[in-house]
mmCIF file of all heavy atoms, coordinates in Angstrom:
data_MODEL
# 
_entry.id   MODEL 
# 
loop_
_atom_site.group_PDB 
_atom_site.id 
_atom_site.type_symbol 
_atom_site.label_atom_id 
_atom_site.label_alt_id 
_atom_site.label_comp_id 
_atom_site.label_asym_id 
_atom_site.label_entity_id 
_atom_site.label_seq_id 
_atom_site.pdbx_PDB_ins_code 
_atom_site.Cartn_x 
_atom_site.Cartn_y 
_atom_site.Cartn_z 
_atom_site.occupancy 
_atom_site.B_iso_or_equiv 
_atom_site.pdbx_formal_charge 
_atom_site.auth_seq_id 
_atom_site.auth_comp_id 
_atom_site.auth_asym_id 
_atom_site.auth_atom_id 
_atom_site.pdbx_PDB_model_num 
ATOM 1   N N   . ILE A 1 1  ? 102.734 104.354 79.964  1.00 0.00 ? 1  ILE A N   1 
ATOM 2   C CA  . ILE A 1 1  ? 101.771 104.605 81.044  1.00 0.00 ? 1  ILE A CA  1 
ATOM 3   C C   . ILE A 1 1  ? 102.462 104.507 82.398  1.00 0.00 ? 1  ILE A C   1 
ATOM 4   O O   . ILE A 1 1  ? 102.216 105.311 83.302  1.00 0.00 ? 1  ILE A O   1 
ATOM 5   C CB  . ILE A 1 1  ? 100.592 103.621 80.943  1.00 0.00 ? 1  ILE A CB  1 
ATOM 6   C CG1 . ILE A 1 1  ? 99.760  103.923 79.683  1.00 0.00 ? 1  ILE A CG1 1 
ATOM 7   C CG2 . ILE A 1 1  ? 99.714  103.698 82.193  1.00 0.00 ? 1  ILE A CG2 1 
ATOM 8   C CD1 . ILE A 1 1  ? 98.665  102.930 79.414  1.00 0.00 ? 1  ILE A CD1 1 
ATOM 9   N N   . GLU A 1 2  ? 103.354 103.526 82.545  1.00 0.00 ? 2  GLU A N   1 
ATOM 10  C CA  . GLU A 1 2  ? 104.067 103.381 83.816  1.00 0.00 ? 2  GLU A CA  1 
ATOM 11  C C   . GLU A 1 2  ? 104.950 104.604 84.089  1.00 0.00 ? 2  GLU A C   1 
ATOM 12  O O   . GLU A 1 2  ? 105.084 105.038 85.233  1.00 0.00 ? 2  GLU A O   1 
ATOM 13  C CB  . GLU A 1 2  ? 104.901 102.104 83.810  1.00 0.00 ? 2  GLU A CB  1 
ATOM 14  C CG  . GLU A 1 2  ? 104.082 100.825 83.893  1.00 0.00 ? 2  GLU A CG  1 
ATOM 15  C CD  . GLU A 1 2  ? 103.172 100.817 85.099  1.00 0.00 ? 2  GLU A CD  1 
ATOM 16  O OE1 . GLU A 1 2  ? 103.644 101.036 86.229  1.00 0.00 ? 2  GLU A OE1 1 
ATOM 17  O OE2 . GLU A 1 2  ? 101.949 100.611 84.921  1.00 0.00 ? 2  GLU A OE2 1 
ATOM 18  N N   . GLU A 1 3  ? 105.544 105.170 83.062  1.00 0.00 ? 3  GLU A N   1 
ATOM 19  C CA  . GLU A 1 3  ? 106.357 106.376 83.282  1.00 0.00 ? 3  GLU A CA  1 
ATOM 20  C C   . GLU A 1 3  ? 105.482 107.558 83.672  1.00 0.00 ? 3  GLU A C   1 
ATOM 21  O O   . GLU A 1 3  ? 105.875 108.380 84.505  1.00 0.00 ? 3  GLU A O   1 
ATOM 22  C CB  . GLU A 1 3  ? 107.185 106.718 82.041  1.00 0.00 ? 3  GLU A CB  1 
ATOM 23  C CG  . GLU A 1 3  ? 108.019 107.979 82.229  1.00 0.00 ? 3  GLU A CG  1 
ATOM 24  C CD  . GLU A 1 3  ? 109.221 108.056 81.317  1.00 0.00 ? 3  GLU A CD  1 
ATOM 25  O OE1 . GLU A 1 3  ? 109.754 107.013 80.926  1.00 0.00 ? 3  GLU A OE1 1 
ATOM 26  O OE2 . GLU A 1 3  ? 109.629 109.186 81.009  1.00 0.00 ? 3  GLU A OE2 1 
ATOM 27  N N   . GLU A 1 4  ? 104.298 107.655 83.083  1.00 0.00 ? 4  GLU A N   1 
ATOM 28  C CA  . GLU A 1 4  ? 103.378 108.722 83.458  1.00 0.00 ? 4  GLU A CA  1 
ATOM 29  C C   . GLU A 1 4  ? 102.967 108.572 84.927  1.00 0.00 ? 4  GLU A C   1 
ATOM 30  O O   . GLU A 1 4  ? 102.816 109.560 85.651  1.00 0.00 ? 4  GLU A O   1 
ATOM 31  C CB  . GLU A 1 4  ? 102.145 108.700 82.554  1.00 0.00 ? 4  GLU A CB  1 
ATOM 32  C CG  . GLU A 1 4  ? 102.428 109.041 81.096  1.00 0.00 ? 4  GLU A CG  1 
ATOM 33  C CD  . GLU A 1 4  ? 102.728 110.519 80.888  1.00 0.00 ? 4  GLU A CD  1 
ATOM 34  O OE1 . GLU A 1 4  ? 102.036 111.354 81.486  1.00 0.00 ? 4  GLU A OE1 1 
ATOM 35  O OE2 . GLU A 1 4  ? 103.668 110.828 80.139  1.00 0.00 ? 4  GLU A OE2 1 
ATOM 36  N N   . ARG A 1 5  ? 102.791 107.335 85.390  1.00 0.00 ? 5  ARG A N   1 
ATOM 37  C CA  . ARG A 1 5  ? 102.477 107.098 86.801  1.00 0.00 ? 5  ARG A CA  1 
ATOM 38  C C   . ARG A 1 5  ? 103.631 107.602 87.674  1.00 0.00 ? 5  ARG A C   1 
ATOM 39  O O   . ARG A 1 5  ? 103.425 108.234 88.705  1.00 0.00 ? 5  ARG A O   1 
ATOM 40  C CB  . ARG A 1 5  ? 102.239 105.612 87.045  1.00 0.00 ? 5  ARG A CB  1 
ATOM 41  C CG  . ARG A 1 5  ? 101.749 105.292 88.475  1.00 0.00 ? 5  ARG A CG  1 
ATOM 42  C CD  . ARG A 1 5  ? 101.851 103.803 88.807  1.00 0.00 ? 5  ARG A CD  1 
ATOM 43  N NE  . ARG A 1 5  ? 101.345 102.941 87.754  1.00 0.00 ? 5  ARG A NE  1 
ATOM 44  C CZ  . ARG A 1 5  ? 100.064 102.651 87.560  1.00 0.00 ? 5  ARG A CZ  1 
ATOM 45  N NH1 . ARG A 1 5  ? 99.157  103.157 88.359  1.00 0.00 ? 5  ARG A NH1 1 
ATOM 46  N NH2 . ARG A 1 5  ? 99.695  101.853 86.575  1.00 0.00 ? 5  ARG A NH2 1 
ATOM 47  N N   . ARG A 1 6  ? 104.857 107.319 87.247  1.00 0.00 ? 6  ARG A N   1 
ATOM 48  C CA  . ARG A 1 6  ? 106.027 107.761 88.019  1.00 0.00 ? 6  ARG A CA  1 
ATOM 49  C C   . ARG A 1 6  ? 106.121 109.284 88.046  1.00 0.00 ? 6  ARG A C   1 
ATOM 50  O O   . ARG A 1 6  ? 106.580 109.877 89.030  1.00 0.00 ? 6  ARG A O   1 
ATOM 51  C CB  . ARG A 1 6  ? 107.297 107.136 87.443  1.00 0.00 ? 6  ARG A CB  1 
ATOM 52  C CG  . ARG A 1 6  ? 107.357 105.622 87.590  1.00 0.00 ? 6  ARG A CG  1 
ATOM 53  C CD  . ARG A 1 6  ? 108.730 105.065 87.311  1.00 0.00 ? 6  ARG A CD  1 
ATOM 54  N NE  . ARG A 1 6  ? 109.171 105.195 85.937  1.00 0.00 ? 6  ARG A NE  1 
ATOM 55  C CZ  . ARG A 1 6  ? 108.984 104.273 84.990  1.00 0.00 ? 6  ARG A CZ  1 
ATOM 56  N NH1 . ARG A 1 6  ? 108.351 103.145 85.270  1.00 0.00 ? 6  ARG A NH1 1 
ATOM 57  N NH2 . ARG A 1 6  ? 109.438 104.471 83.773  1.00 0.00 ? 6  ARG A NH2 1 
ATOM 58  N N   . LEU A 1 7  ? 105.677 109.940 86.974  1.00 0.00 ? 7  LEU A N   1 
ATOM 59  C CA  . LEU A 1 7  ? 105.670 111.409 86.957  1.00 0.00 ? 7  LEU A CA  1 
ATOM 60  C C   . LEU A 1 7  ? 104.784 111.964 88.068  1.00 0.00 ? 7  LEU A C   1 
ATOM 61  O O   . LEU A 1 7  ? 105.159 112.912 88.769  1.00 0.00 ? 7  LEU A O   1 
ATOM 62  C CB  . LEU A 1 7  ? 105.179 111.918 85.601  1.00 0.00 ? 7  LEU A CB  1 
ATOM 63  C CG  . LEU A 1 7  ? 106.227 112.290 84.559  1.00 0.00 ? 7  LEU A CG  1 
ATOM 64  C CD1 . LEU A 1 7  ? 105.548 112.595 83.233  1.00 0.00 ? 7  LEU A CD1 1 
ATOM 65  C CD2 . LEU A 1 7  ? 107.037 113.491 85.016  1.00 0.00 ? 7  LEU A CD2 1 
ATOM 66  N N   . LEU A 1 8  ? 103.581 111.395 88.213  1.00 0.00 ? 8  LEU A N   1 
ATOM 67  C CA  . LEU A 1 8  ? 102.692 111.852 89.277  1.00 0.00 ? 8  LEU A CA  1 
ATOM 68  C C   . LEU A 1 8  ? 103.322 111.596 90.638  1.00 0.00 ? 8  LEU A C   1 
ATOM 69  O O   . LEU A 1 8  ? 103.251 112.440 91.540  1.00 0.00 ? 8  LEU A O   1 
ATOM 70  C CB  . LEU A 1 8  ? 101.330 111.147 89.176  1.00 0.00 ? 8  LEU A CB  1 
ATOM 71  C CG  . LEU A 1 8  ? 100.322 111.491 90.276  1.00 0.00 ? 8  LEU A CG  1 
ATOM 72  C CD1 . LEU A 1 8  ? 100.041 112.987 90.322  1.00 0.00 ? 8  LEU A CD1 1 
ATOM 73  C CD2 . LEU A 1 8  ? 99.021  110.704 90.080  1.00 0.00 ? 8  LEU A CD2 1 
ATOM 74  N N   . TYR A 1 9  ? 103.957 110.451 90.804  1.00 0.00 ? 9  TYR A N   1 
ATOM 75  C CA  . TYR A 1 9  ? 104.626 110.117 92.067  1.00 0.00 ? 9  TYR A CA  1 
ATOM 76  C C   . TYR A 1 9  ? 105.722 111.132 92.380  1.00 0.00 ? 9  TYR A C   1 
ATOM 77  O O   . TYR A 1 9  ? 105.836 111.609 93.516  1.00 0.00 ? 9  TYR A O   1 
ATOM 78  C CB  . TYR A 1 9  ? 105.203 108.708 91.953  1.00 0.00 ? 9  TYR A CB  1 
ATOM 79  C CG  . TYR A 1 9  ? 106.053 108.267 93.126  1.00 0.00 ? 9  TYR A CG  1 
ATOM 80  C CD1 . TYR A 1 9  ? 105.473 107.807 94.301  1.00 0.00 ? 9  TYR A CD1 1 
ATOM 81  C CD2 . TYR A 1 9  ? 107.443 108.289 93.045  1.00 0.00 ? 9  TYR A CD2 1 
ATOM 82  C CE1 . TYR A 1 9  ? 106.250 107.380 95.372  1.00 0.00 ? 9  TYR A CE1 1 
ATOM 83  C CE2 . TYR A 1 9  ? 108.231 107.870 94.104  1.00 0.00 ? 9  TYR A CE2 1 
ATOM 84  C CZ  . TYR A 1 9  ? 107.628 107.423 95.266  1.00 0.00 ? 9  TYR A CZ  1 
ATOM 85  O OH  . TYR A 1 9  ? 108.415 107.008 96.319  1.00 0.00 ? 9  TYR A OH  1 
ATOM 86  N N   . VAL A 1 10 ? 106.524 111.478 91.382  1.00 0.00 ? 10 VAL A N   1 
ATOM 87  C CA  . VAL A 1 10 ? 107.584 112.477 91.581  1.00 0.00 ? 10 VAL A CA  1 
ATOM 88  C C   . VAL A 1 10 ? 106.981 113.806 92.010  1.00 0.00 ? 10 VAL A C   1 
ATOM 89  O O   . VAL A 1 10 ? 107.466 114.468 92.934  1.00 0.00 ? 10 VAL A O   1 
ATOM 90  C CB  . VAL A 1 10 ? 108.433 112.638 90.300  1.00 0.00 ? 10 VAL A CB  1 
ATOM 91  C CG1 . VAL A 1 10 ? 109.324 113.870 90.388  1.00 0.00 ? 10 VAL A CG1 1 
ATOM 92  C CG2 . VAL A 1 10 ? 109.284 111.400 90.062  1.00 0.00 ? 10 VAL A CG2 1 
ATOM 93  N N   . ALA A 1 11 ? 105.904 114.224 91.344  1.00 0.00 ? 11 ALA A N   1 
ATOM 94  C CA  . ALA A 1 11 ? 105.265 115.499 91.696  1.00 0.00 ? 11 ALA A CA  1 
ATOM 95  C C   . ALA A 1 11 ? 104.765 115.472 93.138  1.00 0.00 ? 11 ALA A C   1 
ATOM 96  O O   . ALA A 1 11 ? 104.974 116.421 93.905  1.00 0.00 ? 11 ALA A O   1 
ATOM 97  C CB  . ALA A 1 11 ? 104.104 115.779 90.740  1.00 0.00 ? 11 ALA A CB  1 
ATOM 98  N N   . MET A 1 12 ? 104.122 114.389 93.542  1.00 0.00 ? 12 MET A N   1 
ATOM 99  C CA  . MET A 1 12 ? 103.555 114.306 94.892  1.00 0.00 ? 12 MET A CA  1 
ATOM 100 C C   . MET A 1 12 ? 104.647 114.326 95.964  1.00 0.00 ? 12 MET A C   1 
ATOM 101 O O   . MET A 1 12 ? 104.471 114.919 97.030  1.00 0.00 ? 12 MET A O   1 
ATOM 102 C CB  . MET A 1 12 ? 102.710 113.040 95.026  1.00 0.00 ? 12 MET A CB  1 
ATOM 103 C CG  . MET A 1 12 ? 101.453 113.041 94.170  1.00 0.00 ? 12 MET A CG  1 
ATOM 104 S SD  . MET A 1 12 ? 100.555 111.467 94.209  1.00 0.00 ? 12 MET A SD  1 
ATOM 105 C CE  . MET A 1 12 ? 99.986  111.450 95.913  1.00 0.00 ? 12 MET A CE  1 
ATOM 106 N N   . THR A 1 13 ? 105.775 113.689 95.686  1.00 0.00 ? 13 THR A N   1 
ATOM 107 C CA  . THR A 1 13 ? 106.827 113.582 96.702  1.00 0.00 ? 13 THR A CA  1 
ATOM 108 C C   . THR A 1 13 ? 107.719 114.808 96.775  1.00 0.00 ? 13 THR A C   1 
ATOM 109 O O   . THR A 1 13 ? 108.718 114.808 97.494  1.00 0.00 ? 13 THR A O   1 
ATOM 110 C CB  . THR A 1 13 ? 107.684 112.319 96.452  1.00 0.00 ? 13 THR A CB  1 
ATOM 111 O OG1 . THR A 1 13 ? 108.158 112.318 95.098  1.00 0.00 ? 13 THR A OG1 1 
ATOM 112 C CG2 . THR A 1 13 ? 106.879 111.060 96.708  1.00 0.00 ? 13 THR A CG2 1 
ATOM 113 N N   . ARG A 1 14 ? 107.364 115.869 96.053  1.00 0.00 ? 14 ARG A N   1 
ATOM 114 C CA  . ARG A 1 14 ? 108.082 117.151 96.219  1.00 0.00 ? 14 ARG A CA  1 
ATOM 115 C C   . ARG A 1 14 ? 107.556 117.915 97.434  1.00 0.00 ? 14 ARG A C   1 
ATOM 116 O O   . ARG A 1 14 ? 108.199 118.861 97.905  1.00 0.00 ? 14 ARG A O   1 
ATOM 117 C CB  . ARG A 1 14 ? 107.914 118.057 94.988  1.00 0.00 ? 14 ARG A CB  1 
ATOM 118 C CG  . ARG A 1 14 ? 108.403 117.537 93.639  1.00 0.00 ? 14 ARG A CG  1 
ATOM 119 C CD  . ARG A 1 14 ? 109.789 116.980 93.671  1.00 0.00 ? 14 ARG A CD  1 
ATOM 120 N NE  . ARG A 1 14 ? 109.782 115.546 93.877  1.00 0.00 ? 14 ARG A NE  1 
ATOM 121 C CZ  . ARG A 1 14 ? 110.822 114.835 94.281  1.00 0.00 ? 14 ARG A CZ  1 
ATOM 122 N NH1 . ARG A 1 14 ? 111.955 115.429 94.566  1.00 0.00 ? 14 ARG A NH1 1 
ATOM 123 N NH2 . ARG A 1 14 ? 110.731 113.522 94.426  1.00 0.00 ? 14 ARG A NH2 1 
ATOM 124 N N   . ALA A 1 15 ? 106.363 117.569 97.925  1.00 0.00 ? 15 ALA A N   1 
ATOM 125 C CA  . ALA A 1 15 ? 105.689 118.357 98.971  1.00 0.00 ? 15 ALA A CA  1 
ATOM 126 C C   . ALA A 1 15 ? 106.148 117.936 100.357 1.00 0.00 ? 15 ALA A C   1 
ATOM 127 O O   . ALA A 1 15 ? 106.214 116.742 100.669 1.00 0.00 ? 15 ALA A O   1 
ATOM 128 C CB  . ALA A 1 15 ? 104.178 118.186 98.849  1.00 0.00 ? 15 ALA A CB  1 
ATOM 129 N N   . LYS A 1 16 ? 106.414 118.916 101.201 1.00 0.00 ? 16 LYS A N   1 
ATOM 130 C CA  . LYS A 1 16 ? 106.818 118.645 102.579 1.00 0.00 ? 16 LYS A CA  1 
ATOM 131 C C   . LYS A 1 16 ? 105.616 118.641 103.524 1.00 0.00 ? 16 LYS A C   1 
ATOM 132 O O   . LYS A 1 16 ? 105.457 117.744 104.347 1.00 0.00 ? 16 LYS A O   1 
ATOM 133 C CB  . LYS A 1 16 ? 107.844 119.697 103.033 1.00 0.00 ? 16 LYS A CB  1 
ATOM 134 C CG  . LYS A 1 16 ? 109.130 119.661 102.238 1.00 0.00 ? 16 LYS A CG  1 
ATOM 135 C CD  . LYS A 1 16 ? 109.971 120.908 102.434 1.00 0.00 ? 16 LYS A CD  1 
ATOM 136 C CE  . LYS A 1 16 ? 110.601 120.964 103.800 1.00 0.00 ? 16 LYS A CE  1 
ATOM 137 N NZ  . LYS A 1 16 ? 111.539 122.118 103.918 1.00 0.00 ? 16 LYS A NZ  1 
ATOM 138 N N   . ASP A 1 17 ? 104.759 119.656 103.429 1.00 0.00 ? 17 ASP A N   1 
ATOM 139 C CA  . ASP A 1 17 ? 103.666 119.829 104.395 1.00 0.00 ? 17 ASP A CA  1 
ATOM 140 C C   . ASP A 1 17 ? 102.280 119.746 103.772 1.00 0.00 ? 17 ASP A C   1 
ATOM 141 O O   . ASP A 1 17 ? 101.375 119.142 104.340 1.00 0.00 ? 17 ASP A O   1 
ATOM 142 C CB  . ASP A 1 17 ? 103.814 121.176 105.111 1.00 0.00 ? 17 ASP A CB  1 
ATOM 143 C CG  . ASP A 1 17 ? 105.120 121.299 105.866 1.00 0.00 ? 17 ASP A CG  1 
ATOM 144 O OD1 . ASP A 1 17 ? 105.659 120.259 106.290 1.00 0.00 ? 17 ASP A OD1 1 
ATOM 145 O OD2 . ASP A 1 17 ? 105.621 122.433 106.020 1.00 0.00 ? 17 ASP A OD2 1 
ATOM 146 N N   . ASP A 1 18 ? 102.096 120.398 102.625 1.00 0.00 ? 18 ASP A N   1 
ATOM 147 C CA  . ASP A 1 18 ? 100.762 120.486 102.019 1.00 0.00 ? 18 ASP A CA  1 
ATOM 148 C C   . ASP A 1 18 ? 100.850 120.152 100.543 1.00 0.00 ? 18 ASP A C   1 
ATOM 149 O O   . ASP A 1 18 ? 101.723 120.661 99.825  1.00 0.00 ? 18 ASP A O   1 
ATOM 150 C CB  . ASP A 1 18 ? 100.187 121.899 102.185 1.00 0.00 ? 18 ASP A CB  1 
ATOM 151 C CG  . ASP A 1 18 ? 99.936  122.245 103.651 1.00 0.00 ? 18 ASP A CG  1 
ATOM 152 O OD1 . ASP A 1 18 ? 99.077  121.606 104.259 1.00 0.00 ? 18 ASP A OD1 1 
ATOM 153 O OD2 . ASP A 1 18 ? 100.635 123.141 104.172 1.00 0.00 ? 18 ASP A OD2 1 
ATOM 154 N N   . LEU A 1 19 ? 99.913  119.319 100.098 1.00 0.00 ? 19 LEU A N   1 
ATOM 155 C CA  . LEU A 1 19 ? 99.871  118.898 98.699  1.00 0.00 ? 19 LEU A CA  1 
ATOM 156 C C   . LEU A 1 19 ? 98.456  119.075 98.168  1.00 0.00 ? 19 LEU A C   1 
ATOM 157 O O   . LEU A 1 19 ? 97.496  118.618 98.783  1.00 0.00 ? 19 LEU A O   1 
ATOM 158 C CB  . LEU A 1 19 ? 100.301 117.431 98.583  1.00 0.00 ? 19 LEU A CB  1 
ATOM 159 C CG  . LEU A 1 19 ? 100.183 116.774 97.206  1.00 0.00 ? 19 LEU A CG  1 
ATOM 160 C CD1 . LEU A 1 19 ? 101.083 117.470 96.188  1.00 0.00 ? 19 LEU A CD1 1 
ATOM 161 C CD2 . LEU A 1 19 ? 100.532 115.285 97.303  1.00 0.00 ? 19 LEU A CD2 1 
ATOM 162 N N   . HIS A 1 20 ? 98.337  119.749 97.024  1.00 0.00 ? 20 HIS A N   1 
ATOM 163 C CA  . HIS A 1 20 ? 97.045  119.997 96.384  1.00 0.00 ? 20 HIS A CA  1 
ATOM 164 C C   . HIS A 1 20 ? 97.090  119.416 94.975  1.00 0.00 ? 20 HIS A C   1 
ATOM 165 O O   . HIS A 1 20 ? 97.887  119.873 94.136  1.00 0.00 ? 20 HIS A O   1 
ATOM 166 C CB  . HIS A 1 20 ? 96.754  121.504 96.287  1.00 0.00 ? 20 HIS A CB  1 
ATOM 167 C CG  . HIS A 1 20 ? 96.862  122.242 97.582  1.00 0.00 ? 20 HIS A CG  1 
ATOM 168 N ND1 . HIS A 1 20 ? 95.768  122.779 98.225  1.00 0.00 ? 20 HIS A ND1 1 
ATOM 169 C CD2 . HIS A 1 20 ? 97.937  122.547 98.362  1.00 0.00 ? 20 HIS A CD2 1 
ATOM 170 C CE1 . HIS A 1 20 ? 96.162  123.382 99.336  1.00 0.00 ? 20 HIS A CE1 1 
ATOM 171 N NE2 . HIS A 1 20 ? 97.477  123.247 99.439  1.00 0.00 ? 20 HIS A NE2 1 
ATOM 172 N N   . LEU A 1 21 ? 96.261  118.435 94.691  1.00 0.00 ? 21 LEU A N   1 
ATOM 173 C CA  . LEU A 1 21 ? 96.120  117.901 93.345  1.00 0.00 ? 21 LEU A CA  1 
ATOM 174 C C   . LEU A 1 21 ? 94.827  118.469 92.771  1.00 0.00 ? 21 LEU A C   1 
ATOM 175 O O   . LEU A 1 21 ? 93.747  118.205 93.291  1.00 0.00 ? 21 LEU A O   1 
ATOM 176 C CB  . LEU A 1 21 ? 96.069  116.372 93.370  1.00 0.00 ? 21 LEU A CB  1 
ATOM 177 C CG  . LEU A 1 21 ? 97.229  115.656 94.072  1.00 0.00 ? 21 LEU A CG  1 
ATOM 178 C CD1 . LEU A 1 21 ? 97.053  114.142 93.978  1.00 0.00 ? 21 LEU A CD1 1 
ATOM 179 C CD2 . LEU A 1 21 ? 98.562  116.066 93.491  1.00 0.00 ? 21 LEU A CD2 1 
ATOM 180 N N   . VAL A 1 22 ? 94.931  119.265 91.721  1.00 0.00 ? 22 VAL A N   1 
ATOM 181 C CA  . VAL A 1 22 ? 93.785  120.021 91.223  1.00 0.00 ? 22 VAL A CA  1 
ATOM 182 C C   . VAL A 1 22 ? 93.216  119.328 89.979  1.00 0.00 ? 22 VAL A C   1 
ATOM 183 O O   . VAL A 1 22 ? 93.950  119.004 89.036  1.00 0.00 ? 22 VAL A O   1 
ATOM 184 C CB  . VAL A 1 22 ? 94.176  121.478 90.905  1.00 0.00 ? 22 VAL A CB  1 
ATOM 185 C CG1 . VAL A 1 22 ? 92.916  122.307 90.660  1.00 0.00 ? 22 VAL A CG1 1 
ATOM 186 C CG2 . VAL A 1 22 ? 94.989  122.081 92.051  1.00 0.00 ? 22 VAL A CG2 1 
ATOM 187 N N   . VAL A 1 23 ? 91.900  119.142 90.000  1.00 0.00 ? 23 VAL A N   1 
ATOM 188 C CA  . VAL A 1 23 ? 91.217  118.378 88.952  1.00 0.00 ? 23 VAL A CA  1 
ATOM 189 C C   . VAL A 1 23 ? 90.179  119.281 88.280  1.00 0.00 ? 23 VAL A C   1 
ATOM 190 O O   . VAL A 1 23 ? 89.053  119.410 88.775  1.00 0.00 ? 23 VAL A O   1 
ATOM 191 C CB  . VAL A 1 23 ? 90.527  117.130 89.542  1.00 0.00 ? 23 VAL A CB  1 
ATOM 192 C CG1 . VAL A 1 23 ? 89.882  116.296 88.439  1.00 0.00 ? 23 VAL A CG1 1 
ATOM 193 C CG2 . VAL A 1 23 ? 91.517  116.286 90.333  1.00 0.00 ? 23 VAL A CG2 1 
ATOM 194 N N   . PRO A 1 24 ? 90.531  119.930 87.179  1.00 0.00 ? 24 PRO A N   1 
ATOM 195 C CA  . PRO A 1 24 ? 89.528  120.751 86.472  1.00 0.00 ? 24 PRO A CA  1 
ATOM 196 C C   . PRO A 1 24 ? 88.556  119.854 85.698  1.00 0.00 ? 24 PRO A C   1 
ATOM 197 O O   . PRO A 1 24 ? 88.965  118.854 85.094  1.00 0.00 ? 24 PRO A O   1 
ATOM 198 C CB  . PRO A 1 24 ? 90.377  121.600 85.517  1.00 0.00 ? 24 PRO A CB  1 
ATOM 199 C CG  . PRO A 1 24 ? 91.626  120.814 85.310  1.00 0.00 ? 24 PRO A CG  1 
ATOM 200 C CD  . PRO A 1 24 ? 91.866  120.036 86.568  1.00 0.00 ? 24 PRO A CD  1 
ATOM 201 N N   . GLN A 1 25 ? 87.283  120.202 85.733  1.00 0.00 ? 25 GLN A N   1 
ATOM 202 C CA  . GLN A 1 25 ? 86.294  119.411 85.005  1.00 0.00 ? 25 GLN A CA  1 
ATOM 203 C C   . GLN A 1 25 ? 86.411  119.638 83.498  1.00 0.00 ? 25 GLN A C   1 
ATOM 204 O O   . GLN A 1 25 ? 86.067  118.769 82.708  1.00 0.00 ? 25 GLN A O   1 
ATOM 205 C CB  . GLN A 1 25 ? 84.885  119.766 85.490  1.00 0.00 ? 25 GLN A CB  1 
ATOM 206 C CG  . GLN A 1 25 ? 84.664  119.397 86.948  1.00 0.00 ? 25 GLN A CG  1 
ATOM 207 C CD  . GLN A 1 25 ? 83.346  119.935 87.481  1.00 0.00 ? 25 GLN A CD  1 
ATOM 208 O OE1 . GLN A 1 25 ? 82.506  120.401 86.709  1.00 0.00 ? 25 GLN A OE1 1 
ATOM 209 N NE2 . GLN A 1 25 ? 83.155  119.870 88.790  1.00 0.00 ? 25 GLN A NE2 1 
ATOM 210 N N   . ARG A 1 26 ? 86.884  120.825 83.126  1.00 0.00 ? 26 ARG A N   1 
ATOM 211 C CA  . ARG A 1 26 ? 87.108  121.126 81.709  1.00 0.00 ? 26 ARG A CA  1 
ATOM 212 C C   . ARG A 1 26 ? 88.494  121.733 81.584  1.00 0.00 ? 26 ARG A C   1 
ATOM 213 O O   . ARG A 1 26 ? 88.906  122.542 82.401  1.00 0.00 ? 26 ARG A O   1 
ATOM 214 C CB  . ARG A 1 26 ? 86.077  122.131 81.180  1.00 0.00 ? 26 ARG A CB  1 
ATOM 215 C CG  . ARG A 1 26 ? 84.637  121.678 81.247  1.00 0.00 ? 26 ARG A CG  1 
ATOM 216 C CD  . ARG A 1 26 ? 83.692  122.809 80.869  1.00 0.00 ? 26 ARG A CD  1 
ATOM 217 N NE  . ARG A 1 26 ? 83.653  123.073 79.449  1.00 0.00 ? 26 ARG A NE  1 
ATOM 218 C CZ  . ARG A 1 26 ? 83.886  124.267 78.882  1.00 0.00 ? 26 ARG A CZ  1 
ATOM 219 N NH1 . ARG A 1 26 ? 84.206  125.296 79.623  1.00 0.00 ? 26 ARG A NH1 1 
ATOM 220 N NH2 . ARG A 1 26 ? 83.806  124.419 77.583  1.00 0.00 ? 26 ARG A NH2 1 
ATOM 221 N N   . PHE A 1 27 ? 89.218  121.327 80.553  1.00 0.00 ? 27 PHE A N   1 
ATOM 222 C CA  . PHE A 1 27 ? 90.509  121.975 80.318  1.00 0.00 ? 27 PHE A CA  1 
ATOM 223 C C   . PHE A 1 27 ? 90.748  122.099 78.820  1.00 0.00 ? 27 PHE A C   1 
ATOM 224 O O   . PHE A 1 27 ? 90.184  121.365 78.014  1.00 0.00 ? 27 PHE A O   1 
ATOM 225 C CB  . PHE A 1 27 ? 91.656  121.229 81.011  1.00 0.00 ? 27 PHE A CB  1 
ATOM 226 C CG  . PHE A 1 27 ? 92.012  119.900 80.386  1.00 0.00 ? 27 PHE A CG  1 
ATOM 227 C CD1 . PHE A 1 27 ? 93.032  119.802 79.458  1.00 0.00 ? 27 PHE A CD1 1 
ATOM 228 C CD2 . PHE A 1 27 ? 91.340  118.747 80.749  1.00 0.00 ? 27 PHE A CD2 1 
ATOM 229 C CE1 . PHE A 1 27 ? 93.356  118.581 78.893  1.00 0.00 ? 27 PHE A CE1 1 
ATOM 230 C CE2 . PHE A 1 27 ? 91.667  117.524 80.194  1.00 0.00 ? 27 PHE A CE2 1 
ATOM 231 C CZ  . PHE A 1 27 ? 92.677  117.439 79.256  1.00 0.00 ? 27 PHE A CZ  1 
# 
């Protein structure tokens, strides 16, 4: 679980100006 948290952190810190986290209600 801690590694999965770090994955999200890595994804977020790739953005310079704009970051969009998309949450589909169904997938």
